[in-house]
Structures are given as C-alpha cells and as structure tokens.
C-alpha cells in the first residue's frame, strides 16, 4: 500500500454548489428588500400585479445581485487568494475561466428577465449591469476607490431596486418623494459597503485598492462610515416630518437612535466587531427603509 494518498482529481466543470457559492446568496437580501420597499411605496394591489412583484424580487436578488458577485469574484480572484482563499475561484473549485463564463451568462439572463418588467424594469436592469461591471472590471474598476466604489454599490443595492419596484408595480414614473428617500438611503448604504471592506484590508492594500479602511485606518474609517449612515437618515426624518408623516419619522428616528448605540460598541473595536455591526446595525437601517416606504404609499 502506497504511503502517499492519491491526488484529488481536478474538476474541469464546477459543481453546482460552487456556482451557488460564487453567487453569494447571503448578499441577495439588501436589493430584494429594497425592491420590496418599492412595492410598498407604490401602493399597488398585489393581487393585480403579483407576477411583476415576484419577477422583480427574483431579478434584484438571485439574478442581478448574484451576477454582480460573480463579476466581482472573477476580477478579485488575485485579491481573494490572500483575503479569502477558500472562495470558489482561488480555491480551484471554479476552474479555468468558469467564473467569467458564469458572470457573462448571469448578465444575459438578468437582461432577459428585466425586459419582462417593461421599459422601467429593463432600463434599471441595464443600468444595474453596467454598474456591476464597471465596479469590478478594469479599466474603471470603481472598487479601487473608497469613495466611488461604495457609492456605486449603495445606489445599486438600495436606491435603484427601490425606485424600480415603485415604477414597475405602479406602472408610472416614480413619485419624486420616493426617489428622494430611496436616494438618501442609497447614499447611507455607502457606509454599509465600507463595513464589508474591514475584512480585506491586507489584500486591498497589497493590490492598490484604496478602501476607506486602507486610506484612513480602521478607527477613522469606522467613524466616517457611521456618519455616512446616520446623516441621510436624519434627512429622511426631516423630510417625513415635512411631508406630514410623523409616525414614520418617529420610527426612523428610533431605529437611528438604536443604531447609535450599536455604533458606539462597534467603534471600540472597528475591525473585530465589523461582522457584528453588519448584522445588528444594518438590520435597524433596513427597518427604517420599510417604515419610510409604507408611509410614502399613495
């Protein structure tokens, strides 16, 4: 009997589990929730429009968001070899150029489904696909910037699906109030995206990705992220009060206050507690989104 174990055969085609992991289902929730906020803000009767609601949620999460994750993993494969070597591409479970093929195929499927949602849905899908590719792919590769990268992600993950959901479900151009609140929450999501950069400081620094934690250091980057998340929510509270929605304004103010308590804890150990705040603080953030959306429904 040989003293050496037989080598594990290299796969030429990825396993379905590797493809699913590449699409990162855990990341699908924010855009799906944002599209749900758009449904709520539209005031549409779901009994009449439920196919559009289901297609939109599928498009926002598993398709467009999944596509963006595949694009990001392909162009980040060298960085992930340092930060997350267990990911499908650097680990070899997604062999050859299969990561790129999945990203291209998922882009095509997303555009096809987006076309089923009418002109608003298709236009939003085109814009989302463009943002996904220029965020990760050269020559623009917006993620190299700690300013433009999180901004593109925040607007694509929160503002765009929210506005799209309101337009698709109502069949009309979105109300300017809905657009204003959706954009504010998308701007605040810049801070949420910065939280994700705390896990990859070493690889980002080595490959020239100037995330806020790399540029400012963990402590100052965390403080900046807190203010970026808080200020747009303060503006939402002011707008809701001005528009005659005191209950919704109170809910947003309350969840913002609870976020403040969570932020104080996070700032004690920005790097170590980033995953904790990503669960605790972000849950409160998205709760305020839905309260605002319900209040704006006609």
Protein backbone atom coordinates (compact mmCIF):
# COMPACT_ATOMS: atom_id res chain seq x y z
CA UNK A 1 0.00 0.00 0.00
CA UNK A 2 1.42 3.41 -1.01
CA UNK A 3 2.43 5.88 1.67
CA UNK A 4 1.05 8.71 -0.42
CA UNK A 5 -2.66 9.50 -0.80
CA UNK A 6 -3.97 9.59 -4.32
CA UNK A 7 -4.20 13.14 -5.68
CA UNK A 8 -7.64 14.69 -5.80
CA UNK A 9 -8.72 14.94 -9.44
CA UNK A 10 -9.05 18.48 -10.77
CA UNK A 11 -12.55 19.30 -11.97
CA UNK A 12 -12.99 20.69 -15.48
CA UNK A 13 -16.56 21.81 -14.74
CA UNK A 14 -17.58 23.45 -11.44
CA UNK A 15 -20.00 21.72 -9.13
CA UNK A 16 -23.43 23.38 -8.72
CA UNK A 17 -22.54 24.11 -5.10
CA UNK A 18 -19.50 26.12 -6.22
CA UNK A 19 -21.63 28.14 -8.64
CA UNK A 20 -24.15 28.89 -5.91
CA UNK A 21 -21.36 29.93 -3.55
CA UNK A 22 -19.95 32.19 -6.28
CA UNK A 23 -23.32 33.98 -6.49
CA UNK A 24 -23.24 34.59 -2.67
CA UNK A 25 -26.91 34.14 -1.67
CA UNK A 26 -26.26 35.94 1.63
CA UNK A 27 -25.81 39.18 -0.33
CA UNK A 28 -29.16 38.97 -2.13
CA UNK A 29 -31.24 40.26 0.77
CA UNK A 30 -30.49 44.03 0.55
CA UNK A 31 -31.63 44.57 -3.06
CA UNK A 32 -34.58 42.21 -2.61
CA UNK A 33 -35.62 44.16 0.48
CA UNK A 34 -35.16 47.45 -1.41
CA UNK A 35 -37.38 46.18 -4.23
CA UNK A 36 -39.91 45.23 -1.55
CA UNK A 37 -39.73 48.81 -0.29
CA UNK A 38 -40.55 49.93 -3.82
CA UNK A 39 -43.55 47.59 -3.87
CA UNK A 40 -44.75 49.06 -0.58
CA UNK A 41 -44.20 52.65 -1.76
CA UNK A 42 -46.09 52.03 -5.00
CA UNK A 43 -49.38 51.41 -3.21
CA UNK A 44 -50.17 48.76 -5.82
CA UNK A 45 -52.66 45.98 -5.14
CA UNK A 46 -50.55 42.83 -5.26
CA UNK A 47 -53.49 40.71 -6.35
CA UNK A 48 -53.30 42.54 -9.69
CA UNK A 49 -49.50 42.81 -10.03
CA UNK A 50 -48.03 39.81 -8.17
CA UNK A 51 -46.17 38.36 -11.21
CA UNK A 52 -44.25 41.63 -11.54
CA UNK A 53 -43.51 41.64 -7.80
CA UNK A 54 -42.13 38.09 -7.87
CA UNK A 55 -40.12 38.65 -11.05
CA UNK A 56 -38.71 41.90 -9.65
CA UNK A 57 -37.59 40.28 -6.39
CA UNK A 58 -36.01 37.40 -8.36
CA UNK A 59 -34.27 39.91 -10.61
CA UNK A 60 -32.99 42.11 -7.78
CA UNK A 61 -31.54 39.26 -5.71
CA UNK A 62 -30.54 35.96 -7.33
CA UNK A 63 -30.02 37.42 -10.80
CA UNK A 64 -28.58 40.96 -10.75
CA UNK A 65 -27.01 40.78 -7.30
CA UNK A 66 -25.78 37.25 -7.97
CA UNK A 67 -24.31 38.42 -11.27
CA UNK A 68 -22.52 41.30 -9.57
CA UNK A 69 -20.97 38.88 -7.08
CA UNK A 70 -19.73 36.61 -9.87
CA UNK A 71 -18.23 39.59 -11.73
CA UNK A 72 -16.57 40.81 -8.54
CA UNK A 73 -15.12 37.41 -7.65
CA UNK A 74 -13.66 36.95 -11.12
CA UNK A 75 -11.86 40.30 -11.17
CA UNK A 76 -10.94 39.97 -7.48
CA UNK A 77 -9.54 36.46 -7.75
CA UNK A 78 -5.96 37.59 -7.00
CA UNK A 79 -7.07 39.65 -4.00
CA UNK A 80 -9.26 36.80 -2.74
CA UNK A 81 -6.28 34.45 -2.92
CA UNK A 82 -4.97 36.48 0.05
CA UNK A 83 -8.15 37.61 1.81
CA UNK A 84 -10.47 34.65 1.19
CA UNK A 85 -8.53 31.74 -0.35
CA UNK A 86 -11.47 29.41 0.33
CA UNK A 87 -13.65 31.22 -2.26
CA UNK A 88 -14.58 29.08 -5.32
CA UNK A 89 -12.15 30.68 -7.79
CA UNK A 90 -8.91 30.92 -5.77
CA UNK A 91 -9.56 27.52 -4.20
CA UNK A 92 -9.78 25.91 -7.64
CA UNK A 93 -13.36 24.70 -7.20
CA UNK A 94 -14.31 27.09 -10.02
CA UNK A 95 -11.69 26.02 -12.60
CA UNK A 96 -10.31 27.88 -15.59
CA UNK A 97 -12.42 30.78 -16.81
CA UNK A 98 -15.69 29.40 -15.49
CA UNK A 99 -16.06 32.34 -13.10
CA UNK A 100 -16.09 34.73 -16.05
CA UNK A 101 -18.49 32.50 -18.01
CA UNK A 102 -20.96 32.46 -15.12
CA UNK A 103 -20.75 36.26 -14.81
CA UNK A 104 -21.48 36.74 -18.52
CA UNK A 105 -24.31 34.17 -18.56
CA UNK A 106 -25.96 35.66 -15.48
CA UNK A 107 -25.75 39.12 -17.08
CA UNK A 108 -27.63 37.82 -20.11
CA UNK A 109 -30.30 36.11 -18.01
CA UNK A 110 -30.74 39.27 -15.93
CA UNK A 111 -31.27 41.42 -19.02
CA UNK A 112 -33.78 38.91 -20.38
CA UNK A 113 -35.84 38.90 -17.19
CA UNK A 114 -35.54 42.68 -16.89
CA UNK A 115 -37.12 43.02 -20.33
CA UNK A 116 -40.23 41.23 -18.99
CA UNK A 117 -40.77 44.06 -16.50
CA UNK A 118 -41.41 46.72 -19.11
CA UNK A 119 -39.35 49.80 -20.01
CA UNK A 120 -38.70 50.86 -16.40
CA UNK A 121 -37.59 47.40 -15.36
CA UNK A 122 -35.39 46.87 -18.40
CA UNK A 123 -33.73 50.29 -18.16
CA UNK A 124 -32.99 49.69 -14.48
CA UNK A 125 -31.53 46.26 -15.27
CA UNK A 126 -29.25 47.69 -17.94
CA UNK A 127 -28.02 50.35 -15.51
CA UNK A 128 -27.51 47.78 -12.75
CA UNK A 129 -25.47 45.53 -15.06
CA UNK A 130 -23.32 48.46 -16.17
CA UNK A 131 -22.67 49.44 -12.55
CA UNK A 132 -21.77 45.85 -11.64
CA UNK A 133 -19.19 45.56 -14.41
CA UNK A 134 -17.57 48.99 -14.04
CA UNK A 135 -17.40 48.46 -10.27
CA UNK A 136 -15.23 45.37 -10.60
CA UNK A 137 -13.73 45.30 -14.09
CA UNK A 138 -10.88 47.37 -15.49
CA UNK A 139 -10.30 49.95 -16.75
CA UNK A 140 -12.70 51.85 -14.45
CA UNK A 141 -12.79 49.34 -11.57
CA UNK A 142 -14.60 51.72 -9.24
CA UNK A 143 -13.90 49.49 -6.26
CA UNK A 144 -10.32 50.75 -6.25
CA UNK A 145 -11.75 53.92 -4.68
CA UNK A 146 -13.09 54.04 -1.14
CA UNK A 147 -15.42 56.83 -2.29
CA UNK A 148 -16.78 55.83 -5.68
CA UNK A 149 -16.90 52.08 -5.11
CA UNK A 150 -19.17 52.07 -2.05
CA UNK A 151 -21.26 54.86 -3.61
CA UNK A 152 -21.93 52.78 -6.73
CA UNK A 153 -22.79 49.76 -4.60
CA UNK A 154 -25.07 51.68 -2.27
CA UNK A 155 -27.06 53.24 -5.09
CA UNK A 156 -27.23 49.94 -7.00
CA UNK A 157 -28.22 47.84 -3.96
CA UNK A 158 -30.71 50.20 -2.32
CA UNK A 159 -31.81 53.16 -4.44
CA UNK A 160 -32.13 51.54 -7.85
CA UNK A 161 -34.25 48.50 -6.88
CA UNK A 162 -36.44 50.66 -4.62
CA UNK A 163 -37.19 53.16 -7.41
CA UNK A 164 -37.61 50.33 -9.91
CA UNK A 165 -40.05 48.46 -7.69
CA UNK A 166 -42.20 51.56 -7.26
CA UNK A 167 -42.23 52.22 -11.01
CA UNK A 168 -42.83 48.63 -12.14
CA UNK A 169 -45.63 47.93 -9.66
CA UNK A 170 -47.43 51.23 -10.22
CA UNK A 171 -46.82 51.34 -13.96
CA UNK A 172 -45.98 55.04 -13.59
CA UNK A 173 -42.92 57.22 -13.18
CA UNK A 174 -41.88 57.03 -9.52
CA UNK A 175 -43.04 59.77 -7.16
CA UNK A 176 -40.25 62.36 -6.56
CA UNK A 177 -40.66 61.81 -2.80
CA UNK A 178 -39.97 58.09 -3.24
CA UNK A 179 -36.94 58.90 -5.38
CA UNK A 180 -35.61 61.36 -2.79
CA UNK A 181 -35.90 58.92 0.12
CA UNK A 182 -34.55 56.00 -1.93
CA UNK A 183 -31.50 58.04 -2.97
CA UNK A 184 -30.87 59.11 0.64
CA UNK A 185 -30.91 55.51 1.81
CA UNK A 186 -28.63 54.56 -1.08
CA UNK A 187 -26.18 57.27 -0.03
CA UNK A 188 -26.30 56.00 3.54
CA UNK A 189 -25.55 52.50 2.28
CA UNK A 190 -22.10 53.82 1.33
CA UNK A 191 -21.28 53.28 4.99
CA UNK A 192 -22.69 49.75 4.94
CA UNK A 193 -20.48 48.89 1.99
CA UNK A 194 -17.47 50.27 3.83
CA UNK A 195 -18.13 47.82 6.68
CA UNK A 196 -17.51 44.97 4.25
CA UNK A 197 -14.03 46.33 3.49
CA UNK A 198 -12.75 45.73 7.02
CA UNK A 199 -12.28 42.02 6.32
CA UNK A 200 -9.94 42.59 3.37
CA UNK A 201 -7.50 45.29 4.45
CA UNK A 202 -4.31 43.30 3.80
CA UNK A 203 -5.24 42.16 0.29
CA UNK A 204 -6.69 45.55 -0.65
CA UNK A 205 -3.51 47.31 0.47
CA UNK A 206 -1.30 44.89 -1.45
CA UNK A 207 -3.21 45.24 -4.71
CA UNK A 208 -3.76 49.00 -4.54
CA UNK A 209 -7.47 49.02 -3.63
CA UNK A 210 -7.91 52.27 -1.71
CA UNK A 211 -10.84 51.34 0.51
CA UNK A 212 -11.60 53.66 3.40
CA UNK A 213 -10.10 51.25 5.98
CA UNK A 214 -6.89 51.22 3.90
CA UNK A 215 -6.81 55.01 3.40
CA UNK A 216 -7.96 56.15 6.84
CA UNK A 217 -7.18 53.19 9.07
CA UNK A 218 -9.88 51.10 10.80
CA UNK A 219 -10.78 53.62 13.53
CA UNK A 220 -11.26 56.69 11.33
CA UNK A 221 -12.90 54.65 8.56
CA UNK A 222 -15.46 53.27 11.02
CA UNK A 223 -16.23 56.76 12.33
CA UNK A 224 -16.67 58.04 8.78
CA UNK A 225 -18.97 55.11 7.94
CA UNK A 226 -21.13 55.87 10.99
CA UNK A 227 -21.65 59.48 9.93
CA UNK A 228 -22.31 58.47 6.31
CA UNK A 229 -25.04 56.09 7.51
CA UNK A 230 -26.54 58.49 10.05
CA UNK A 231 -26.75 61.79 8.16
CA UNK A 232 -29.03 60.57 5.33
CA UNK A 233 -31.38 59.02 7.88
CA UNK A 234 -31.55 62.36 9.71
CA UNK A 235 -32.53 63.93 6.39
CA UNK A 236 -35.23 61.26 5.91
CA UNK A 237 -36.67 62.05 9.35
CA UNK A 238 -36.81 65.75 8.44
CA UNK A 239 -38.48 65.05 5.08
CA UNK A 240 -41.07 62.70 6.56
CA UNK A 241 -41.98 65.32 9.15
CA UNK A 242 -42.24 68.00 6.46
CA UNK A 243 -44.48 65.75 4.37
CA UNK A 244 -46.84 65.03 7.26
CA UNK A 245 -45.73 61.52 8.29
CA UNK A 246 -44.83 61.92 11.99
CA UNK A 247 -45.26 58.22 12.88
CA UNK A 248 -42.85 57.06 10.18
CA UNK A 249 -40.45 59.86 11.12
CA UNK A 250 -40.58 58.67 14.73
CA UNK A 251 -39.85 55.08 13.71
CA UNK A 252 -36.84 56.12 11.61
CA UNK A 253 -35.59 58.34 14.44
CA UNK A 254 -35.98 55.46 16.92
CA UNK A 255 -34.07 52.94 14.80
CA UNK A 256 -31.41 55.58 14.18
CA UNK A 257 -31.01 56.06 17.94
CA UNK A 258 -30.61 52.29 18.38
CA UNK A 259 -28.04 52.31 15.59
CA UNK A 260 -26.20 54.99 17.53
CA UNK A 261 -25.89 52.66 20.50
CA UNK A 262 -24.65 49.88 18.22
CA UNK A 263 -22.17 52.26 16.60
CA UNK A 264 -20.69 53.14 20.00
CA UNK A 265 -19.96 49.47 20.61
CA UNK A 266 -18.56 48.96 17.10
CA UNK A 267 -16.19 51.92 17.43
CA UNK A 268 -14.48 50.22 20.39
CA UNK A 269 -13.11 47.55 18.02
CA UNK A 270 -13.89 48.54 14.40
CA UNK A 271 -12.12 45.63 12.79
CA UNK A 272 -13.11 42.88 15.17
CA UNK A 273 -16.74 43.95 15.53
CA UNK A 274 -17.41 44.81 11.88
CA UNK A 275 -19.25 41.49 11.24
CA UNK A 276 -21.33 42.05 14.39
CA UNK A 277 -22.35 45.56 13.36
CA UNK A 278 -23.08 44.32 9.86
CA UNK A 279 -25.84 42.22 11.42
CA UNK A 280 -27.09 44.40 14.26
CA UNK A 281 -26.84 47.91 12.80
CA UNK A 282 -27.81 47.08 9.23
CA UNK A 283 -30.98 45.29 10.39
CA UNK A 284 -32.10 48.50 12.08
CA UNK A 285 -31.16 50.51 9.00
CA UNK A 286 -33.36 48.48 6.66
CA UNK A 287 -36.24 48.55 9.13
CA UNK A 288 -36.32 52.31 8.75
CA UNK A 289 -36.35 51.89 4.99
CA UNK A 290 -39.58 49.90 5.08
CA UNK A 291 -41.23 52.29 7.52
CA UNK A 292 -40.45 55.15 5.15
CA UNK A 293 -41.71 53.24 2.12
CA UNK A 294 -45.04 52.37 3.72
CA UNK A 295 -45.56 56.00 4.75
CA UNK A 296 -44.99 57.22 1.17
CA UNK A 297 -47.55 54.86 -0.39
CA UNK A 298 -50.42 56.80 -2.02
